Amino acid sequence: MSGIQLHPHDILDEGMPQIMSYIRKLKDVRYIFPEVNTIFERNPNPVGNLPRNAVHEVVFGTGTMHAILPSYQGLDQRREPGLSDEQDPLMIIKESLQEEHYEIIPWLNILNGHFEGPLLAHNLVTDLDGQVIPHWLCPNAPDVIDFWEQALIDLRQRYGYTTYMIDRIRYPDWGGEEVNPRGLLTCFCPHCERKMKEQHIDVSALKNNLRQWITLFAEKKFDDAVTFAENNALIQEWIAFRQQSVTGFVERLIERVRTVNEDFTLWLDLWPPAYSWMLGQDYASITKCSPALKHFPYHKLGGGADVQGLIHYLAHTADEQEQAFQAFKRFFALPYDLTYEMFKQEGFPIQFVADQNNKVRSLSDPNTRIYSGIQMWNISPQNLIEAVQAGENSAADELLYYCYGWAADELFEALQTYREKGMN
């Protein structure tokens, strides 16, 4: 059965009766994933208004925790102002659906948010020049798992849930509040550098090689930059190190919470495999930790990545942008015969959805259930149905719609008609 994601503002501003009247139109939804703590993101992203929200036309996430939890002394996450027993989104959805057949799986953003506390500076992601990446915790930092272990225990105590979908389990990408590819060149905090040295990675030489790589981009030698990275042993070791770090973090977190309660289960929210490997997510190893995952092969948006933002950061003239885009496709093994102008108008071809799902299946543990994220905003009804069909005709097991509050009414109507036709 399929699932759909909700944001806190959906629950508080619209109310569950209206939300459920729309979710029921989808016919096959079983799982509802309410976001517990936000990231720094425009809702909807990147443009448009919330179609059914009578309180806010647009909501900007500020990385806050929307669940009532105790304060933590070392590392914590800022609480959403106005949070109270009456304004508690997770409790509201829990109580409203007690007699329903839907299964609630809270959705947690783990390494990205408005974190705070006296130990924060000791746990942040750092680039190769020693500058911290704001709001990003390092998977190798010493206090992050302590915080999330206690938060998960307290979430269970208040709300009763033991299954969660964990998101932002990676290193920064090039997007976010602003486009900054240097977020990719991480992490060089003391904890990561120490671990790299223990694995006999020459950190000084690695930094020099990364700076050479940056120079090639600055000189607009995009194809040469791809070749340089592909053939550079140290850069490849660093990419593997990042993957080991993220998988190790998830393994340790699951081990810690299961020591307290063996029923704790963590589903994974991952980037599509075209990009995941560059952000520290290795499907082969990380899926051994979890019974289910969702990834997001949003073809209209280039797979969820801010492709246009990156291209415009790197290149300014039309010719340079075309060269950068062709190099981008080569680097991320995207075998689609399209120009940058075509991509800006249409995104990737619909085949991208099936291609990425099939790749996830081939890379993942055979026991891991795969949910194909379906883009449900800034898209036409016909293209939405095409994406659903591509997902259904791929190796994915189910669909997961992202997301309720961003989707226009006509998209719910299109899916309702599609499901009803299939049932006749």
Protein backbone atom coordinates (compact mmCIF):
# COMPACT_ATOMS: atom_id res chain seq x y z
CA MET A 1 0.00 0.00 0.00
CA SER A 2 1.10 3.56 -0.71
CA GLY A 3 1.94 6.42 1.64
CA ILE A 4 1.85 10.22 1.79
CA GLN A 5 3.82 12.83 3.71
CA LEU A 6 2.42 15.67 5.82
CA HIS A 7 4.04 18.76 7.25
CA PRO A 8 3.16 20.19 10.68
CA HIS A 9 1.51 23.24 9.14
CA ASP A 10 -0.90 20.96 7.25
CA ILE A 11 -2.15 19.44 10.49
CA LEU A 12 -2.36 22.72 12.43
CA ASP A 13 -3.72 24.98 9.69
CA GLU A 14 -6.10 22.69 7.80
CA GLY A 15 -7.09 20.16 10.41
CA MET A 16 -7.29 16.41 10.04
CA PRO A 17 -10.91 16.20 8.71
CA GLN A 18 -10.01 18.18 5.58
CA ILE A 19 -6.70 16.37 5.17
CA MET A 20 -8.31 12.95 5.41
CA SER A 21 -11.03 13.87 2.91
CA TYR A 22 -8.26 14.37 0.35
CA ILE A 23 -6.12 11.40 1.36
CA ARG A 24 -9.13 9.12 0.95
CA LYS A 25 -9.34 10.19 -2.68
CA LEU A 26 -6.04 8.36 -3.29
CA LYS A 27 -7.76 5.06 -2.45
CA ASP A 28 -4.66 2.97 -1.69
CA VAL A 29 -2.89 4.98 1.04
CA ARG A 30 -2.06 3.04 4.19
CA TYR A 31 0.94 4.91 5.60
CA ILE A 32 0.97 8.56 6.68
CA PHE A 33 4.32 10.17 7.41
CA PRO A 34 3.95 13.34 9.52
CA GLU A 35 7.09 15.47 9.69
CA VAL A 36 8.22 15.89 13.30
CA ASN A 37 11.06 18.38 12.82
CA THR A 38 11.48 20.69 9.85
CA ILE A 39 14.36 21.62 7.58
CA PHE A 40 15.12 25.03 6.08
CA GLU A 41 12.79 24.76 3.12
CA ARG A 42 10.15 26.80 1.38
CA ASN A 43 6.74 25.11 1.36
CA PRO A 44 5.99 24.65 -1.51
CA ASN A 45 9.42 24.48 -3.11
CA PRO A 46 10.65 26.42 -5.02
CA VAL A 47 7.61 28.50 -6.02
CA GLY A 48 3.84 28.59 -5.69
CA ASN A 49 1.31 28.75 -2.85
CA LEU A 50 -0.18 26.15 -0.54
CA PRO A 51 -3.49 25.35 -2.25
CA ARG A 52 -5.72 24.47 0.73
CA ASN A 53 -4.05 26.23 3.66
CA ALA A 54 -6.40 28.94 4.91
CA VAL A 55 -3.80 30.37 7.32
CA HIS A 56 -0.58 30.58 5.29
CA GLU A 57 0.02 30.94 1.56
CA VAL A 58 3.63 29.87 2.03
CA VAL A 59 5.44 28.34 5.02
CA PHE A 60 9.19 28.55 5.52
CA GLY A 61 10.65 25.71 7.54
CA THR A 62 13.10 26.87 10.19
CA GLY A 63 14.63 23.58 11.31
CA THR A 64 12.61 23.34 14.51
CA MET A 65 11.23 20.42 16.54
CA HIS A 66 7.44 20.18 16.42
CA ALA A 67 7.10 17.55 19.16
CA ILE A 68 6.88 18.08 22.91
CA LEU A 69 10.08 16.68 24.40
CA PRO A 70 12.21 17.44 27.45
CA SER A 71 15.11 19.85 27.11
CA TYR A 72 18.49 18.21 26.52
CA GLN A 73 21.62 19.66 28.08
CA GLY A 74 24.41 18.90 25.59
CA LEU A 75 22.90 18.89 22.12
CA ASP A 76 19.30 19.79 21.36
CA GLN A 77 17.01 21.11 18.62
CA ARG A 78 15.16 24.39 18.90
CA ARG A 79 11.47 23.88 19.71
CA GLU A 80 8.89 25.39 17.40
CA PRO A 81 7.44 28.55 19.01
CA GLY A 82 3.80 28.05 19.94
CA LEU A 83 4.13 24.32 20.51
CA SER A 84 1.74 23.25 23.28
CA ASP A 85 -0.54 20.41 24.31
CA GLU A 86 -3.26 22.00 22.17
CA GLN A 87 -0.90 22.72 19.26
CA ASP A 88 0.98 19.42 19.06
CA PRO A 89 0.78 18.14 15.47
CA LEU A 90 1.95 14.60 16.18
CA MET A 91 -0.54 14.14 19.03
CA ILE A 92 -3.33 15.65 16.96
CA ILE A 93 -2.84 13.16 14.13
CA LYS A 94 -2.40 10.28 16.58
CA GLU A 95 -5.67 11.01 18.37
CA SER A 96 -7.66 11.77 15.22
CA LEU A 97 -6.78 8.47 13.53
CA GLN A 98 -7.11 6.07 16.45
CA GLU A 99 -10.14 4.35 14.89
CA GLU A 100 -8.76 4.41 11.35
CA HIS A 101 -6.82 1.79 9.41
CA TYR A 102 -3.96 4.14 8.54
CA GLU A 103 -0.51 3.54 10.01
CA ILE A 104 1.39 6.59 11.22
CA ILE A 105 5.16 6.59 10.78
CA PRO A 106 6.70 9.83 12.09
CA TRP A 107 9.26 11.39 9.76
CA LEU A 108 12.47 12.70 11.36
CA ASN A 109 15.19 14.89 9.85
CA ILE A 110 18.30 13.66 11.61
CA LEU A 111 21.43 15.61 10.64
CA ASN A 112 19.99 18.90 9.36
CA GLY A 113 18.09 21.44 11.44
CA HIS A 114 18.31 24.29 13.94
CA PHE A 115 20.37 22.47 16.53
CA GLU A 116 21.70 24.18 19.63
CA GLY A 117 23.40 23.57 22.95
CA PRO A 118 26.91 23.84 24.46
CA LEU A 119 28.15 20.83 22.47
CA LEU A 120 26.92 22.05 19.08
CA ALA A 121 30.24 23.45 17.83
CA HIS A 122 31.87 20.09 18.53
CA ASN A 123 29.43 18.25 16.25
CA LEU A 124 29.08 20.33 13.06
CA VAL A 125 30.08 19.44 9.51
CA THR A 126 33.21 21.31 8.37
CA ASP A 127 34.49 22.00 4.86
CA LEU A 128 38.06 21.58 3.66
CA ASP A 129 38.93 25.16 4.69
CA GLY A 130 37.73 24.62 8.25
CA GLN A 131 34.46 26.54 7.83
CA VAL A 132 31.42 24.96 9.43
CA ILE A 133 28.33 24.22 7.32
CA PRO A 134 25.52 25.78 9.37
CA HIS A 135 22.79 23.47 10.66
CA TRP A 136 24.48 20.22 9.61
CA LEU A 137 25.59 17.62 12.17
CA CYS A 138 28.40 15.24 11.29
CA PRO A 139 27.68 11.49 11.34
CA ASN A 140 31.11 10.95 12.92
CA ALA A 141 30.61 13.54 15.67
CA PRO A 142 30.50 12.15 19.23
CA ASP A 143 27.22 13.54 20.62
CA VAL A 144 24.72 13.20 17.77
CA ILE A 145 23.62 9.65 18.52
CA ASP A 146 23.31 10.43 22.23
CA PHE A 147 20.85 13.20 21.35
CA TRP A 148 18.79 11.12 18.92
CA GLU A 149 18.75 8.06 21.16
CA GLN A 150 17.21 10.11 23.96
CA ALA A 151 14.85 11.94 21.60
CA LEU A 152 13.56 8.67 20.15
CA ILE A 153 13.05 7.23 23.61
CA ASP A 154 11.12 10.33 24.70
CA LEU A 155 9.10 10.38 21.47
CA ARG A 156 8.03 6.82 22.16
CA GLN A 157 7.15 7.64 25.75
CA ARG A 158 4.87 10.54 24.77
CA TYR A 159 3.44 9.37 21.45
CA GLY A 160 3.87 5.60 21.53
CA TYR A 161 5.57 5.10 18.17
CA THR A 162 8.51 2.75 17.63
CA THR A 163 8.73 2.96 13.80
CA TYR A 164 10.15 6.14 12.23
CA MET A 165 11.33 7.23 8.80
CA ILE A 166 14.69 8.97 9.11
CA ASP A 167 15.68 11.62 6.57
CA ARG A 168 18.74 13.84 6.09
CA ILE A 169 21.06 10.95 6.91
CA ARG A 170 23.84 12.20 4.68
CA TYR A 171 26.35 14.95 4.12
CA PRO A 172 25.18 18.30 2.73
CA ASP A 173 24.38 18.60 -0.95
CA TRP A 174 24.89 21.78 -2.98
CA GLY A 175 21.39 23.17 -2.35
CA GLY A 176 19.53 24.30 0.75
CA GLU A 177 18.98 27.87 1.86
CA GLU A 178 21.39 28.90 -0.89
CA VAL A 179 23.33 27.07 -3.59
CA ASN A 180 26.80 26.27 -2.27
CA PRO A 181 28.70 23.36 -3.86
CA ARG A 182 31.38 23.67 -1.17
CA GLY A 183 28.90 21.89 1.09
CA LEU A 184 29.83 18.78 -0.88
CA LEU A 185 33.50 19.11 0.11
CA THR A 186 32.98 17.79 3.60
CA CYS A 187 33.59 16.70 6.24
CA PHE A 188 36.96 17.74 7.65
CA CYS A 189 36.02 18.15 11.30
CA PRO A 190 38.50 16.74 13.84
CA HIS A 191 36.48 13.54 14.19
CA CYS A 192 36.42 12.83 10.45
CA GLU A 193 40.08 13.74 9.98
CA ARG A 194 41.07 11.42 12.80
CA LYS A 195 39.06 8.55 11.32
CA MET A 196 40.49 9.17 7.85
CA LYS A 197 44.03 9.04 9.24
CA GLU A 198 43.19 5.80 11.05
CA GLN A 199 42.20 4.40 7.63
CA HIS A 200 45.50 5.66 6.15
CA ILE A 201 43.91 8.41 4.05
CA ASP A 202 46.39 11.24 3.57
CA VAL A 203 44.19 14.18 4.60
CA SER A 204 46.62 16.88 3.47
CA ALA A 205 47.02 15.33 0.03
CA LEU A 206 43.25 14.84 -0.22
CA LYS A 207 42.64 18.53 0.45
CA ASN A 208 45.18 19.46 -2.22
CA ASN A 209 43.47 17.19 -4.73
CA LEU A 210 40.06 18.63 -3.90
CA ARG A 211 41.45 22.13 -4.46
CA GLN A 212 42.75 21.04 -7.85
CA TRP A 213 39.27 19.77 -8.60
CA ILE A 214 37.75 23.12 -7.60
CA THR A 215 40.19 24.92 -9.89
CA LEU A 216 39.01 22.92 -12.88
CA PHE A 217 35.44 24.03 -12.22
CA ALA A 218 36.55 27.64 -11.76
CA GLU A 219 38.30 27.46 -15.13
CA LYS A 220 35.08 26.08 -16.71
CA LYS A 221 36.84 22.83 -17.61
CA PHE A 222 33.79 20.78 -16.65
CA ASP A 223 34.54 17.63 -18.60
CA ASP A 224 38.12 17.61 -17.34
CA ALA A 225 36.77 17.97 -13.78
CA VAL A 226 34.69 14.82 -14.20
CA THR A 227 37.66 12.86 -15.54
CA PHE A 228 39.88 14.16 -12.74
CA ALA A 229 37.52 12.96 -10.00
CA GLU A 230 36.82 9.62 -11.63
CA ASN A 231 40.54 8.83 -11.91
CA ASN A 232 41.68 10.28 -8.59
CA ALA A 233 42.30 7.50 -6.07
CA LEU A 234 42.22 9.81 -3.04
CA ILE A 235 38.91 11.39 -4.03
CA GLN A 236 37.43 7.95 -4.57
CA GLU A 237 38.68 6.85 -1.14
CA TRP A 238 37.11 9.96 0.39
CA ILE A 239 33.78 9.22 -1.30
CA ALA A 240 33.90 5.67 0.11
CA PHE A 241 34.82 7.04 3.55
CA ARG A 242 31.73 9.26 3.55
CA GLN A 243 29.55 6.28 2.65
CA GLN A 244 31.05 4.19 5.43
CA SER A 245 30.49 7.06 7.86
CA VAL A 246 26.78 7.42 7.08
CA THR A 247 26.09 3.69 7.12
CA GLY A 248 28.03 3.36 10.37
CA PHE A 249 26.01 6.18 11.91
CA VAL A 250 22.70 4.51 11.03
CA GLU A 251 23.94 1.15 12.30
CA ARG A 252 25.00 2.64 15.63
CA LEU A 253 21.77 4.58 16.06
CA ILE A 254 19.64 1.49 15.45
CA GLU A 255 21.80 -0.58 17.79
CA ARG A 256 21.50 2.02 20.55
CA VAL A 257 17.73 2.43 20.44
CA ARG A 258 17.11 -1.30 20.11
CA THR A 259 19.14 -1.86 23.24
CA VAL A 260 16.47 0.18 25.01
CA ASN A 261 13.50 -1.29 23.12
CA GLU A 262 13.89 -4.04 20.52
CA ASP A 263 10.74 -2.86 18.70
CA PHE A 264 12.42 0.30 17.39
CA THR A 265 12.48 0.23 13.57
CA LEU A 266 13.90 2.90 11.30
CA TRP A 267 12.85 3.30 7.68
CA LEU A 268 15.21 5.24 5.41
CA ASP A 269 14.57 8.33 3.29
CA LEU A 270 17.39 8.36 0.72
CA TRP A 271 18.42 10.30 -2.34
CA PRO A 272 17.94 8.48 -5.64
CA PRO A 273 20.97 6.34 -6.51
CA ALA A 274 22.07 8.70 -9.29
CA TYR A 275 23.30 11.08 -6.57
CA SER A 276 23.18 9.19 -3.29
CA TRP A 277 26.71 7.79 -3.59
CA MET A 278 28.16 11.31 -3.67
CA LEU A 279 26.35 12.32 -0.47
CA GLY A 280 27.46 9.37 1.64
CA GLN A 281 24.55 7.01 0.98
CA ASP A 282 25.54 3.53 -0.18
CA TYR A 283 22.44 1.47 -0.88
CA ALA A 284 24.21 -1.89 -0.64
CA SER A 285 25.32 -1.34 2.95
CA ILE A 286 22.73 1.03 4.42
CA THR A 287 19.69 -1.01 3.33
CA LYS A 288 20.89 -3.90 5.48
CA CYS A 289 19.82 -1.71 8.41
CA SER A 290 16.19 -1.23 7.45
CA PRO A 291 13.07 -3.07 6.26
CA ALA A 292 11.95 -0.19 4.01
CA LEU A 293 13.16 2.90 2.19
CA LYS A 294 11.76 5.78 0.21
CA HIS A 295 13.76 7.61 -2.42
CA PHE A 296 12.59 10.41 -4.68
CA PRO A 297 13.09 10.03 -8.45
CA TYR A 298 11.25 13.29 -9.16
CA HIS A 299 11.86 13.51 -12.90
CA LYS A 300 10.58 17.08 -13.27
CA LEU A 301 13.09 18.32 -10.69
CA GLY A 302 16.08 16.34 -11.85
CA GLY A 303 15.67 13.69 -9.19
CA GLY A 304 15.12 16.07 -6.30
CA ALA A 305 18.47 17.75 -6.82
CA ASP A 306 18.66 21.47 -7.55
CA VAL A 307 20.26 20.85 -10.93
CA GLN A 308 19.54 24.31 -12.33
CA GLY A 309 20.87 25.96 -9.19
CA LEU A 310 24.15 24.08 -9.52
CA ILE A 311 24.52 24.75 -13.24
CA HIS A 312 23.87 28.47 -12.79
CA TYR A 313 26.34 28.61 -9.92
CA LEU A 314 29.07 27.02 -12.03
CA ALA A 315 28.37 28.61 -15.43
CA HIS A 316 26.97 31.89 -16.70
CA THR A 317 26.81 31.86 -20.51
CA ALA A 318 24.49 29.53 -22.41
CA ASP A 319 27.44 27.66 -23.91
CA GLU A 320 29.12 27.17 -20.53
CA GLN A 321 25.85 26.00 -18.99
CA GLU A 322 25.38 23.43 -21.73
CA GLN A 323 28.91 22.13 -21.17
CA ALA A 324 28.36 22.01 -17.41
CA PHE A 325 25.07 20.14 -17.84
CA GLN A 326 26.60 17.52 -20.15
CA ALA A 327 29.42 17.01 -17.63
CA PHE A 328 26.83 16.76 -14.83
CA LYS A 329 25.02 13.98 -16.69
CA ARG A 330 28.29 12.14 -17.26
CA PHE A 331 29.42 12.45 -13.63
CA PHE A 332 26.12 11.10 -12.30
CA ALA A 333 25.67 8.49 -15.05
CA LEU A 334 22.43 9.94 -16.45
CA PRO A 335 22.18 8.52 -19.99
CA TYR A 336 19.54 10.88 -21.35
CA ASP A 337 19.96 12.59 -24.69
CA LEU A 338 18.75 16.07 -23.82
CA THR A 339 20.16 19.56 -23.81
CA TYR A 340 20.15 21.93 -20.87
CA GLU A 341 17.36 23.96 -22.48
CA MET A 342 15.27 20.81 -22.83
CA PHE A 343 15.96 19.92 -19.20
CA LYS A 344 14.89 23.36 -17.97
CA GLN A 345 11.58 22.96 -19.76
CA GLU A 346 10.77 19.31 -19.07
CA GLY A 347 13.18 17.85 -16.52
CA PHE A 348 14.40 14.32 -17.14
CA PRO A 349 12.30 11.95 -19.26
CA ILE A 350 9.68 9.93 -17.41
CA GLN A 351 11.94 6.87 -17.84
CA PHE A 352 14.11 8.34 -15.07
CA VAL A 353 11.51 7.19 -12.52
CA ALA A 354 11.66 3.54 -13.57
CA ASP A 355 15.42 3.63 -14.15
CA GLN A 356 16.13 4.86 -10.64
CA ASN A 357 13.67 2.44 -9.03
CA ASN A 358 15.21 -0.47 -10.87
CA LYS A 359 18.67 0.63 -9.79
CA VAL A 360 17.53 0.89 -6.17
CA ARG A 361 16.23 -2.65 -6.35
CA SER A 362 19.46 -4.00 -7.83
CA LEU A 363 21.61 -2.22 -5.23
CA SER A 364 19.50 -2.80 -2.12
CA ASP A 365 19.21 -5.66 0.30
CA PRO A 366 16.61 -8.04 -1.17
CA ASN A 367 14.54 -7.84 2.04
CA THR A 368 14.21 -4.05 1.94
CA ARG A 369 10.86 -2.75 0.69
CA ILE A 370 11.15 0.10 -1.82
CA TYR A 371 8.84 3.11 -1.95
CA SER A 372 9.15 5.28 -5.03
CA GLY A 373 8.69 8.94 -4.12
CA ILE A 374 6.17 10.57 -6.48
CA GLN A 375 6.41 14.30 -7.12
CA MET A 376 2.95 15.69 -6.43
CA TRP A 377 3.41 19.42 -7.06
CA ASN A 378 4.43 21.74 -9.91
CA ILE A 379 3.32 19.02 -12.29
CA SER A 380 0.36 18.46 -14.62
CA PRO A 381 -2.26 15.78 -13.84
CA GLN A 382 -1.25 13.81 -16.92
CA ASN A 383 2.43 13.89 -16.03
CA LEU A 384 1.61 12.83 -12.47
CA ILE A 385 -0.24 9.77 -13.75
CA GLU A 386 2.69 8.99 -16.05
CA ALA A 387 5.03 9.12 -13.05
CA VAL A 388 2.72 6.85 -11.06
CA GLN A 389 2.59 4.37 -13.93
CA ALA A 390 6.37 4.47 -14.32
CA GLY A 391 6.71 3.73 -10.61
CA GLU A 392 4.16 0.92 -10.74
CA ASN A 393 5.87 -0.63 -13.76
CA SER A 394 9.29 -0.56 -12.13
CA ALA A 395 10.99 -2.69 -9.50
CA ALA A 396 9.65 -0.50 -6.69
CA ASP A 397 7.16 -2.14 -4.34
CA GLU A 398 4.97 0.87 -3.55
CA LEU A 399 4.55 4.62 -4.01
CA LEU A 400 4.97 7.45 -1.53
CA TYR A 401 3.48 10.81 -2.45
CA TYR A 402 5.41 13.99 -1.65
CA CYS A 403 3.58 15.77 -0.44
CA TYR A 404 0.02 16.43 0.69
CA GLY A 405 0.12 20.16 1.33
CA TRP A 406 1.89 21.11 -1.90
CA ALA A 407 -0.45 19.22 -4.24
CA ALA A 408 -3.23 21.04 -6.09
CA ASP A 409 -6.76 19.66 -5.90
CA GLU A 410 -6.64 18.61 -9.55
CA LEU A 411 -3.83 16.17 -8.74
CA PHE A 412 -5.92 14.41 -6.09
CA GLU A 413 -8.81 14.27 -8.55
CA ALA A 414 -6.58 12.79 -11.25
CA LEU A 415 -5.31 10.06 -8.92
CA GLN A 416 -8.83 9.31 -7.68
CA THR A 417 -10.04 8.87 -11.26
CA TYR A 418 -7.02 6.74 -12.13
CA ARG A 419 -7.56 4.44 -9.13
CA GLU A 420 -11.29 4.13 -9.68
CA LYS A 421 -10.78 3.19 -13.31
CA GLY A 422 -8.31 0.54 -12.23
CA MET A 423 -10.81 -0.89 -9.77
CA ASN A 424 -13.58 -1.26 -12.35
